[in-house]
Amino acid sequence: MARIREEATKLRAARRYNTKVQPQAFQLGDLVCQIRGEARKDPRAGKLGPNWEGPFKVTTSLDNKAYKLQELDAKQFQEHGAQPI
């Protein structure tokens, strides 16, 4: 019985979270910012350091809702954590 309650609680929490998520779709050529992960943050900047990098240009849209991004100076890489500017 406890296992059933646990699964029901998890499903309710997931449903509540997913109602707040708004999907983003980007077009080719859009300028976006990319979230900066903990590994790429400068430890000297402290907690007030920037959380975003960019802007980047969307060059390709992949099937798994990921995007290939290009820096404005033409260096290209692939990332999925892009946000609109």
PDB file of N, CA and C in Angstrom:
ATOM      1  N   MET A   1       0.829  -1.195   0.000  1.00  0.00           N
ATOM      2  CA  MET A   1       0.000   0.000   0.000  1.00  0.00           C
ATOM      3  C   MET A   1       0.873   1.259   0.000  1.00  0.00           C
ATOM      4  N   ALA A   2       1.978   1.206   0.774  1.00  0.00           N
ATOM      5  CA  ALA A   2       2.873   2.366   0.827  1.00  0.00           C
ATOM      6  C   ALA A   2       3.487   2.640  -0.544  1.00  0.00           C
ATOM      7  N   ARG A   3       3.836   1.591  -1.274  1.00  0.00           N
ATOM      8  CA  ARG A   3       4.426   1.749  -2.606  1.00  0.00           C
ATOM      9  C   ARG A   3       3.435   2.417  -3.557  1.00  0.00           C
ATOM     10  N   ILE A   4       2.168   2.053  -3.479  1.00  0.00           N
ATOM     11  CA  ILE A   4       1.136   2.644  -4.331  1.00  0.00           C
ATOM     12  C   ILE A   4       0.978   4.127  -4.007  1.00  0.00           C
ATOM     13  N   ARG A   5       0.968   4.477  -2.737  1.00  0.00           N
ATOM     14  CA  ARG A   5       0.863   5.889  -2.338  1.00  0.00           C
ATOM     15  C   ARG A   5       2.073   6.684  -2.810  1.00  0.00           C
ATOM     16  N   GLU A   6       3.253   6.060  -2.719  1.00  0.00           N
ATOM     17  CA  GLU A   6       4.476   6.738  -3.152  1.00  0.00           C
ATOM     18  C   GLU A   6       4.422   7.048  -4.650  1.00  0.00           C
ATOM     19  N   GLU A   7       4.001   6.073  -5.453  1.00  0.00           N
ATOM     20  CA  GLU A   7       3.891   6.284  -6.900  1.00  0.00           C
ATOM     21  C   GLU A   7       2.857   7.355  -7.218  1.00  0.00           C
ATOM     22  N   ALA A   8       1.731   7.346  -6.518  1.00  0.00           N
ATOM     23  CA  ALA A   8       0.697   8.355  -6.750  1.00  0.00           C
ATOM     24  C   ALA A   8       1.211   9.750  -6.407  1.00  0.00           C
ATOM     25  N   THR A   9       1.956   9.868  -5.319  1.00  0.00           N
ATOM     26  CA  THR A   9       2.518  11.162  -4.931  1.00  0.00           C
ATOM     27  C   THR A   9       3.509  11.652  -5.973  1.00  0.00           C
ATOM     28  N   LYS A  10       4.353  10.758  -6.480  1.00  0.00           N
ATOM     29  CA  LYS A  10       5.318  11.132  -7.518  1.00  0.00           C
ATOM     30  C   LYS A  10       4.613  11.587  -8.791  1.00  0.00           C
ATOM     31  N   LEU A  11       3.550  10.886  -9.177  1.00  0.00           N
ATOM     32  CA  LEU A  11       2.808  11.271 -10.380  1.00  0.00           C
ATOM     33  C   LEU A  11       2.145  12.634 -10.217  1.00  0.00           C
ATOM     34  N   ARG A  12       1.581  12.894  -9.031  1.00  0.00           N
ATOM     35  CA  ARG A  12       0.975  14.205  -8.786  1.00  0.00           C
ATOM     36  C   ARG A  12       2.016  15.314  -8.845  1.00  0.00           C
ATOM     37  N   ALA A  13       3.186  15.084  -8.252  1.00  0.00           N
ATOM     38  CA  ALA A  13       4.251  16.086  -8.271  1.00  0.00           C
ATOM     39  C   ALA A  13       4.737  16.331  -9.697  1.00  0.00           C
ATOM     40  N   ALA A  14       4.895  15.275 -10.479  1.00  0.00           N
ATOM     41  CA  ALA A  14       5.337  15.421 -11.867  1.00  0.00           C
ATOM     42  C   ALA A  14       4.304  16.173 -12.692  1.00  0.00           C
ATOM     43  N   ARG A  15       3.046  15.853 -12.496  1.00  0.00           N
ATOM     44  CA  ARG A  15       1.978  16.532 -13.229  1.00  0.00           C
ATOM     45  C   ARG A  15       1.939  18.021 -12.879  1.00  0.00           C
ATOM     46  N   ARG A  16       2.103  18.341 -11.603  1.00  0.00           N
ATOM     47  CA  ARG A  16       2.100  19.738 -11.151  1.00  0.00           C
ATOM     48  C   ARG A  16       3.293  20.490 -11.748  1.00  0.00           C
ATOM     49  N   TYR A  17       4.464  19.874 -11.780  1.00  0.00           N
ATOM     50  CA  TYR A  17       5.653  20.501 -12.342  1.00  0.00           C
ATOM     51  C   TYR A  17       5.496  20.710 -13.846  1.00  0.00           C
ATOM     52  N   ASN A  18       5.021  19.696 -14.554  1.00  0.00           N
ATOM     53  CA  ASN A  18       4.936  19.756 -16.010  1.00  0.00           C
ATOM     54  C   ASN A  18       3.917  20.773 -16.503  1.00  0.00           C
ATOM     55  N   THR A  19       2.940  21.149 -15.687  1.00  0.00           N
ATOM     56  CA  THR A  19       1.990  22.174 -16.123  1.00  0.00           C
ATOM     57  C   THR A  19       2.644  23.546 -16.183  1.00  0.00           C
ATOM     58  N   LYS A  20       3.741  23.752 -15.436  1.00  0.00           N
ATOM     59  CA  LYS A  20       4.425  25.039 -15.416  1.00  0.00           C
ATOM     60  C   LYS A  20       5.501  25.167 -16.497  1.00  0.00           C
ATOM     61  N   VAL A  21       5.906  24.055 -17.097  1.00  0.00           N
ATOM     62  CA  VAL A  21       6.950  24.075 -18.112  1.00  0.00           C
ATOM     63  C   VAL A  21       6.346  24.556 -19.427  1.00  0.00           C
ATOM     64  N   GLN A  22       6.996  25.549 -20.024  1.00  0.00           N
ATOM     65  CA  GLN A  22       6.536  26.077 -21.300  1.00  0.00           C
ATOM     66  C   GLN A  22       7.547  25.713 -22.383  1.00  0.00           C
ATOM     67  N   PRO A  23       7.139  24.908 -23.356  1.00  0.00           N
ATOM     68  CA  PRO A  23       8.084  24.511 -24.401  1.00  0.00           C
ATOM     69  C   PRO A  23       8.509  25.701 -25.249  1.00  0.00           C
ATOM     70  N   GLN A  24       9.768  25.699 -25.653  1.00  0.00           N
ATOM     71  CA  GLN A  24      10.311  26.752 -26.490  1.00  0.00           C
ATOM     72  C   GLN A  24      10.690  26.158 -27.836  1.00  0.00           C
ATOM     73  N   ALA A  25      10.375  26.844 -28.892  1.00  0.00           N
ATOM     74  CA  ALA A  25      10.797  26.438 -30.231  1.00  0.00           C
ATOM     75  C   ALA A  25      11.537  27.616 -30.844  1.00  0.00           C
ATOM     76  N   PHE A  26      12.694  27.332 -31.409  1.00  0.00           N
ATOM     77  CA  PHE A  26      13.504  28.381 -32.007  1.00  0.00           C
ATOM     78  C   PHE A  26      13.568  28.185 -33.513  1.00  0.00           C
ATOM     79  N   GLN A  27      13.669  29.271 -34.234  1.00  0.00           N
ATOM     80  CA  GLN A  27      13.805  29.244 -35.686  1.00  0.00           C
ATOM     81  C   GLN A  27      15.277  29.413 -36.038  1.00  0.00           C
ATOM     82  N   LEU A  28      15.653  28.994 -37.232  1.00  0.00           N
ATOM     83  CA  LEU A  28      17.017  29.189 -37.692  1.00  0.00           C
ATOM     84  C   LEU A  28      17.324  30.680 -37.724  1.00  0.00           C
ATOM     85  N   GLY A  29      18.468  31.061 -37.196  1.00  0.00           N
ATOM     86  CA  GLY A  29      18.866  32.456 -37.178  1.00  0.00           C
ATOM     87  C   GLY A  29      18.493  33.190 -35.909  1.00  0.00           C
ATOM     88  N   ASP A  30      17.690  32.587 -35.033  1.00  0.00           N
ATOM     89  CA  ASP A  30      17.343  33.235 -33.764  1.00  0.00           C
ATOM     90  C   ASP A  30      18.580  33.404 -32.899  1.00  0.00           C
ATOM     91  N   LEU A  31      18.615  34.475 -32.125  1.00  0.00           N
ATOM     92  CA  LEU A  31      19.679  34.681 -31.161  1.00  0.00           C
ATOM     93  C   LEU A  31      19.192  34.206 -29.796  1.00  0.00           C
ATOM     94  N   VAL A  32      19.980  33.364 -29.143  1.00  0.00           N
ATOM     95  CA  VAL A  32      19.611  32.783 -27.855  1.00  0.00           C
ATOM     96  C   VAL A  32      20.782  32.889 -26.882  1.00  0.00           C
ATOM     97  N   CYS A  33      20.478  32.765 -25.602  1.00  0.00           N
ATOM     98  CA  CYS A  33      21.507  32.659 -24.569  1.00  0.00           C
ATOM     99  C   CYS A  33      21.516  31.225 -24.066  1.00  0.00           C
ATOM    100  N   GLN A  34      22.662  30.775 -23.601  1.00  0.00           N
ATOM    101  CA  GLN A  34      22.824  29.409 -23.127  1.00  0.00           C
ATOM    102  C   GLN A  34      23.125  29.455 -21.634  1.00  0.00           C
ATOM    103  N   ILE A  35      22.494  28.544 -20.886  1.00  0.00           N
ATOM    104  CA  ILE A  35      22.736  28.495 -19.455  1.00  0.00           C
ATOM    105  C   ILE A  35      24.163  28.002 -19.216  1.00  0.00           C
ATOM    106  N   ARG A  36      24.822  28.623 -18.271  1.00  0.00           N
ATOM    107  CA  ARG A  36      26.201  28.273 -17.953  1.00  0.00           C
ATOM    108  C   ARG A  36      26.175  27.280 -16.808  1.00  0.00           C
ATOM    109  N   GLY A  37      26.668  26.063 -17.035  1.00  0.00           N
ATOM    110  CA  GLY A  37      26.687  25.029 -16.011  1.00  0.00           C
ATOM    111  C   GLY A  37      27.728  25.323 -14.941  1.00  0.00           C
ATOM    112  N   GLU A  38      27.633  24.603 -13.852  1.00  0.00           N
ATOM    113  CA  GLU A  38      28.561  24.801 -12.732  1.00  0.00           C
ATOM    114  C   GLU A  38      30.011  24.578 -13.152  1.00  0.00           C
ATOM    115  N   ALA A  39      30.244  23.647 -14.063  1.00  0.00           N
ATOM    116  CA  ALA A  39      31.613  23.348 -14.487  1.00  0.00           C
ATOM    117  C   ALA A  39      32.228  24.500 -15.271  1.00  0.00           C
ATOM    118  N   ARG A  40      31.406  25.314 -15.929  1.00  0.00           N
ATOM    119  CA  ARG A  40      31.931  26.410 -16.749  1.00  0.00           C
ATOM    120  C   ARG A  40      31.934  27.750 -16.038  1.00  0.00           C
ATOM    121  N   LYS A  41      31.412  27.808 -14.833  1.00  0.00           N
ATOM    122  CA  LYS A  41      31.406  29.066 -14.098  1.00  0.00           C
ATOM    123  C   LYS A  41      32.799  29.383 -13.582  1.00  0.00           C
ATOM    124  N   ASP A  42      33.127  30.648 -13.535  1.00  0.00           N
ATOM    125  CA  ASP A  42      34.404  31.089 -12.998  1.00  0.00           C
ATOM    126  C   ASP A  42      34.298  31.132 -11.477  1.00  0.00           C
ATOM    127  N   PRO A  43      35.064  30.316 -10.763  1.00  0.00           N
ATOM    128  CA  PRO A  43      34.937  30.286  -9.300  1.00  0.00           C
ATOM    129  C   PRO A  43      35.336  31.610  -8.641  1.00  0.00           C
ATOM    130  N   ARG A  44      36.125  32.422  -9.340  1.00  0.00           N
ATOM    131  CA  ARG A  44      36.516  33.719  -8.778  1.00  0.00           C
ATOM    132  C   ARG A  44      35.374  34.728  -8.807  1.00  0.00           C
ATOM    133  N   ALA A  45      34.360  34.482  -9.637  1.00  0.00           N
ATOM    134  CA  ALA A  45      33.242  35.419  -9.750  1.00  0.00           C
ATOM    135  C   ALA A  45      32.282  35.281  -8.571  1.00  0.00           C
ATOM    136  N   GLY A  46      32.319  34.151  -7.865  1.00  0.00           N
ATOM    137  CA  GLY A  46      31.435  33.960  -6.724  1.00  0.00           C
ATOM    138  C   GLY A  46      29.992  33.785  -7.144  1.00  0.00           C
ATOM    139  N   LYS A  47      29.088  34.001  -6.205  1.00  0.00           N
ATOM    140  CA  LYS A  47      27.674  33.771  -6.487  1.00  0.00           C
ATOM    141  C   LYS A  47      27.065  34.856  -7.369  1.00  0.00           C
ATOM    142  N   LEU A  48      27.757  35.956  -7.550  1.00  0.00           N
ATOM    143  CA  LEU A  48      27.236  37.022  -8.397  1.00  0.00           C
ATOM    144  C   LEU A  48      27.725  36.925  -9.834  1.00  0.00           C
ATOM    145  N   GLY A  49      28.421  35.846 -10.169  1.00  0.00           N
ATOM    146  CA  GLY A  49      28.892  35.641 -11.536  1.00  0.00           C
ATOM    147  C   GLY A  49      27.734  35.391 -12.481  1.00  0.00           C
ATOM    148  N   PRO A  50      27.963  35.561 -13.780  1.00  0.00           N
ATOM    149  CA  PRO A  50      26.881  35.378 -14.758  1.00  0.00           C
ATOM    150  C   PRO A  50      26.413  33.927 -14.828  1.00  0.00           C
ATOM    151  N   ASN A  51      25.111  33.726 -15.013  1.00  0.00           N
ATOM    152  CA  ASN A  51      24.524  32.391 -15.132  1.00  0.00           C
ATOM    153  C   ASN A  51      24.274  32.012 -16.587  1.00  0.00           C
ATOM    154  N   TRP A  52      24.418  32.964 -17.501  1.00  0.00           N
ATOM    155  CA  TRP A  52      24.120  32.747 -18.909  1.00  0.00           C
ATOM    156  C   TRP A  52      25.315  33.156 -19.758  1.00  0.00           C
ATOM    157  N   GLU A  53      25.443  32.496 -20.915  1.00  0.00           N
ATOM    158  CA  GLU A  53      26.443  32.848 -21.910  1.00  0.00           C
ATOM    159  C   GLU A  53      25.705  33.222 -23.185  1.00  0.00           C
ATOM    160  N   GLY A  54      26.329  34.034 -23.990  1.00  0.00           N
ATOM    161  CA  GLY A  54      25.707  34.318 -25.276  1.00  0.00           C
ATOM    162  C   GLY A  54      25.922  35.749 -25.675  1.00  0.00           C
ATOM    163  N   PRO A  55      25.328  36.155 -26.727  1.00  0.00           N
ATOM    164  CA  PRO A  55      24.306  35.465 -27.522  1.00  0.00           C
ATOM    165  C   PRO A  55      24.919  34.494 -28.535  1.00  0.00           C
ATOM    166  N   PHE A  56      24.119  33.516 -28.918  1.00  0.00           N
ATOM    167  CA  PHE A  56      24.475  32.533 -29.926  1.00  0.00           C
ATOM    168  C   PHE A  56      23.381  32.523 -30.982  1.00  0.00           C
ATOM    169  N   LYS A  57      23.751  32.087 -32.175  1.00  0.00           N
ATOM    170  CA  LYS A  57      22.815  32.018 -33.294  1.00  0.00           C
ATOM    171  C   LYS A  57      22.434  30.562 -33.521  1.00  0.00           C
ATOM    172  N   VAL A  58      21.136  30.259 -33.661  1.00  0.00           N
ATOM    173  CA  VAL A  58      20.661  28.902 -33.938  1.00  0.00           C
ATOM    174  C   VAL A  58      20.941  28.595 -35.404  1.00  0.00           C
ATOM    175  N   THR A  59      21.723  27.522 -35.657  1.00  0.00           N
ATOM    176  CA  THR A  59      22.061  27.172 -37.033  1.00  0.00           C
ATOM    177  C   THR A  59      21.314  25.940 -37.537  1.00  0.00           C
ATOM    178  N   THR A  60      20.995  24.997 -36.642  1.00  0.00           N
ATOM    179  CA  THR A  60      20.327  23.759 -37.041  1.00  0.00           C
ATOM    180  C   THR A  60      19.391  23.308 -35.931  1.00  0.00           C
ATOM    181  N   SER A  61      18.225  22.816 -36.319  1.00  0.00           N
ATOM    182  CA  SER A  61      17.294  22.222 -35.365  1.00  0.00           C
ATOM    183  C   SER A  61      17.347  20.713 -35.554  1.00  0.00           C
ATOM    184  N   LEU A  62      17.634  19.975 -34.477  1.00  0.00           N
ATOM    185  CA  LEU A  62      17.739  18.519 -34.550  1.00  0.00           C
ATOM    186  C   LEU A  62      16.418  17.873 -34.161  1.00  0.00           C
ATOM    187  N   ASP A  63      16.261  16.589 -34.450  1.00  0.00           N
ATOM    188  CA  ASP A  63      15.000  15.879 -34.212  1.00  0.00           C
ATOM    189  C   ASP A  63      14.661  15.734 -32.739  1.00  0.00           C
ATOM    190  N   ASN A  64      15.657  15.701 -31.851  1.00  0.00           N
ATOM    191  CA  ASN A  64      15.399  15.470 -30.431  1.00  0.00           C
ATOM    192  C   ASN A  64      15.207  16.781 -29.663  1.00  0.00           C
ATOM    193  N   LYS A  65      14.722  17.814 -30.331  1.00  0.00           N
ATOM    194  CA  LYS A  65      14.462  19.138 -29.753  1.00  0.00           C
ATOM    195  C   LYS A  65      15.733  19.783 -29.212  1.00  0.00           C
ATOM    196  N   ALA A  66      16.858  19.440 -29.816  1.00  0.00           N
ATOM    197  CA  ALA A  66      18.129  20.080 -29.496  1.00  0.00           C
ATOM    198  C   ALA A  66      18.497  20.986 -30.664  1.00  0.00           C
ATOM    199  N   TYR A  67      19.421  21.891 -30.440  1.00  0.00           N
ATOM    200  CA  TYR A  67      19.806  22.859 -31.452  1.00  0.00           C
ATOM    201  C   TYR A  67      21.313  22.924 -31.555  1.00  0.00           C
ATOM    202  N   LYS A  68      21.793  23.177 -32.758  1.00  0.00           N
ATOM    203  CA  LYS A  68      23.202  23.477 -32.945  1.00  0.00           C
ATOM    204  C   LYS A  68      23.320  24.994 -32.930  1.00  0.00           C
ATOM    205  N   LEU A  69      24.240  25.465 -32.097  1.00  0.00           N
ATOM    206  CA  LEU A  69      24.427  26.898 -31.932  1.00  0.00           C
ATOM    207  C   LEU A  69      25.763  27.327 -32.505  1.00  0.00           C
ATOM    208  N   GLN A  70      25.842  28.594 -32.874  1.00  0.00           N
ATOM    209  CA  GLN A  70      27.068  29.147 -33.420  1.00  0.00           C
ATOM    210  C   GLN A  70      27.323  30.483 -32.742  1.00  0.00           C
ATOM    211  N   GLU A  71      28.564  30.670 -32.263  1.00  0.00           N
ATOM    212  CA  GLU A  71      28.914  31.972 -31.704  1.00  0.00           C
ATOM    213  C   GLU A  71      28.880  32.996 -32.822  1.00  0.00           C
ATOM    214  N   LEU A  72      28.732  34.227 -32.471  1.00  0.00           N
ATOM    215  CA  LEU A  72      28.628  35.258 -33.496  1.00  0.00           C
ATOM    216  C   LEU A  72      29.935  35.436 -34.261  1.00  0.00           C
ATOM    217  N   ASP A  73      31.068  34.921 -33.726  1.00  0.00           N
ATOM    218  CA  ASP A  73      32.321  34.967 -34.473  1.00  0.00           C
ATOM    219  C   ASP A  73      32.572  33.664 -35.233  1.00  0.00           C
ATOM    220  N   ALA A  74      31.513  32.871 -35.504  1.00  0.00           N
ATOM    221  CA  ALA A  74      31.489  31.698 -36.385  1.00  0.00           C
ATOM    222  C   ALA A  74      32.035  30.419 -35.755  1.00  0.00           C
ATOM    223  N   LYS A  75      32.296  30.348 -34.470  1.00  0.00           N
ATOM    224  CA  LYS A  75      32.693  29.093 -33.830  1.00  0.00           C
ATOM    225  C   LYS A  75      31.417  28.301 -33.539  1.00  0.00           C
ATOM    226  N   GLN A  76      31.315  27.071 -34.043  1.00  0.00           N
ATOM    227  CA  GLN A  76      30.067  26.301 -33.936  1.00  0.00           C
ATOM    228  C   GLN A  76      30.208  25.162 -32.941  1.00  0.00           C
ATOM    229  N   PHE A  77      29.135  24.914 -32.177  1.00  0.00           N
ATOM    230  CA  PHE A  77      29.078  23.786 -31.252  1.00  0.00           C
ATOM    231  C   PHE A  77      27.617  23.426 -31.042  1.00  0.00           C
ATOM    232  N   GLN A  78      27.364  22.287 -30.379  1.00  0.00           N
ATOM    233  CA  GLN A  78      26.003  21.796 -30.166  1.00  0.00           C
ATOM    234  C   GLN A  78      25.668  21.856 -28.687  1.00  0.00           C
ATOM    235  N   GLU A  79      24.479  22.359 -28.370  1.00  0.00           N
ATOM    236  CA  GLU A  79      24.026  22.447 -26.980  1.00  0.00           C
ATOM    237  C   GLU A  79      22.510  22.456 -26.995  1.00  0.00           C
ATOM    238  N   HIS A  80      21.907  22.052 -25.903  1.00  0.00           N
ATOM    239  CA  HIS A  80      20.444  21.984 -25.841  1.00  0.00           C
ATOM    240  C   HIS A  80      19.849  22.925 -24.813  1.00  0.00           C
ATOM    241  N   GLY A  81      20.627  23.610 -24.003  1.00  0.00           N
ATOM    242  CA  GLY A  81      20.085  24.442 -22.955  1.00  0.00           C
ATOM    243  C   GLY A  81      19.966  25.895 -23.355  1.00  0.00           C
ATOM    244  N   ALA A  82      19.393  26.169 -24.507  1.00  0.00           N
ATOM    245  CA  ALA A  82      19.317  27.537 -25.015  1.00  0.00           C
ATOM    246  C   ALA A  82      18.031  28.207 -24.534  1.00  0.00           C
ATOM    247  N   GLN A  83      18.104  29.496 -24.305  1.00  0.00           N
ATOM    248  CA  GLN A  83      16.964  30.309 -23.910  1.00  0.00           C
ATOM    249  C   GLN A  83      16.906  31.536 -24.818  1.00  0.00           C
ATOM    250  N   PRO A  84      15.718  32.062 -25.134  1.00  0.00           N
ATOM    251  CA  PRO A  84      15.634  33.228 -26.003  1.00  0.00           C
ATOM    252  C   PRO A  84      16.190  34.469 -25.309  1.00  0.00           C
ATOM    253  N   ILE A  85      16.723  35.357 -26.118  1.00  0.00           N
ATOM    254  CA  ILE A  85      17.236  36.637 -25.574  1.00  0.00           C
ATOM    255  C   ILE A  85      16.088  37.579 -25.344  1.00  0.00           C
TER     256      ILE A  85
END
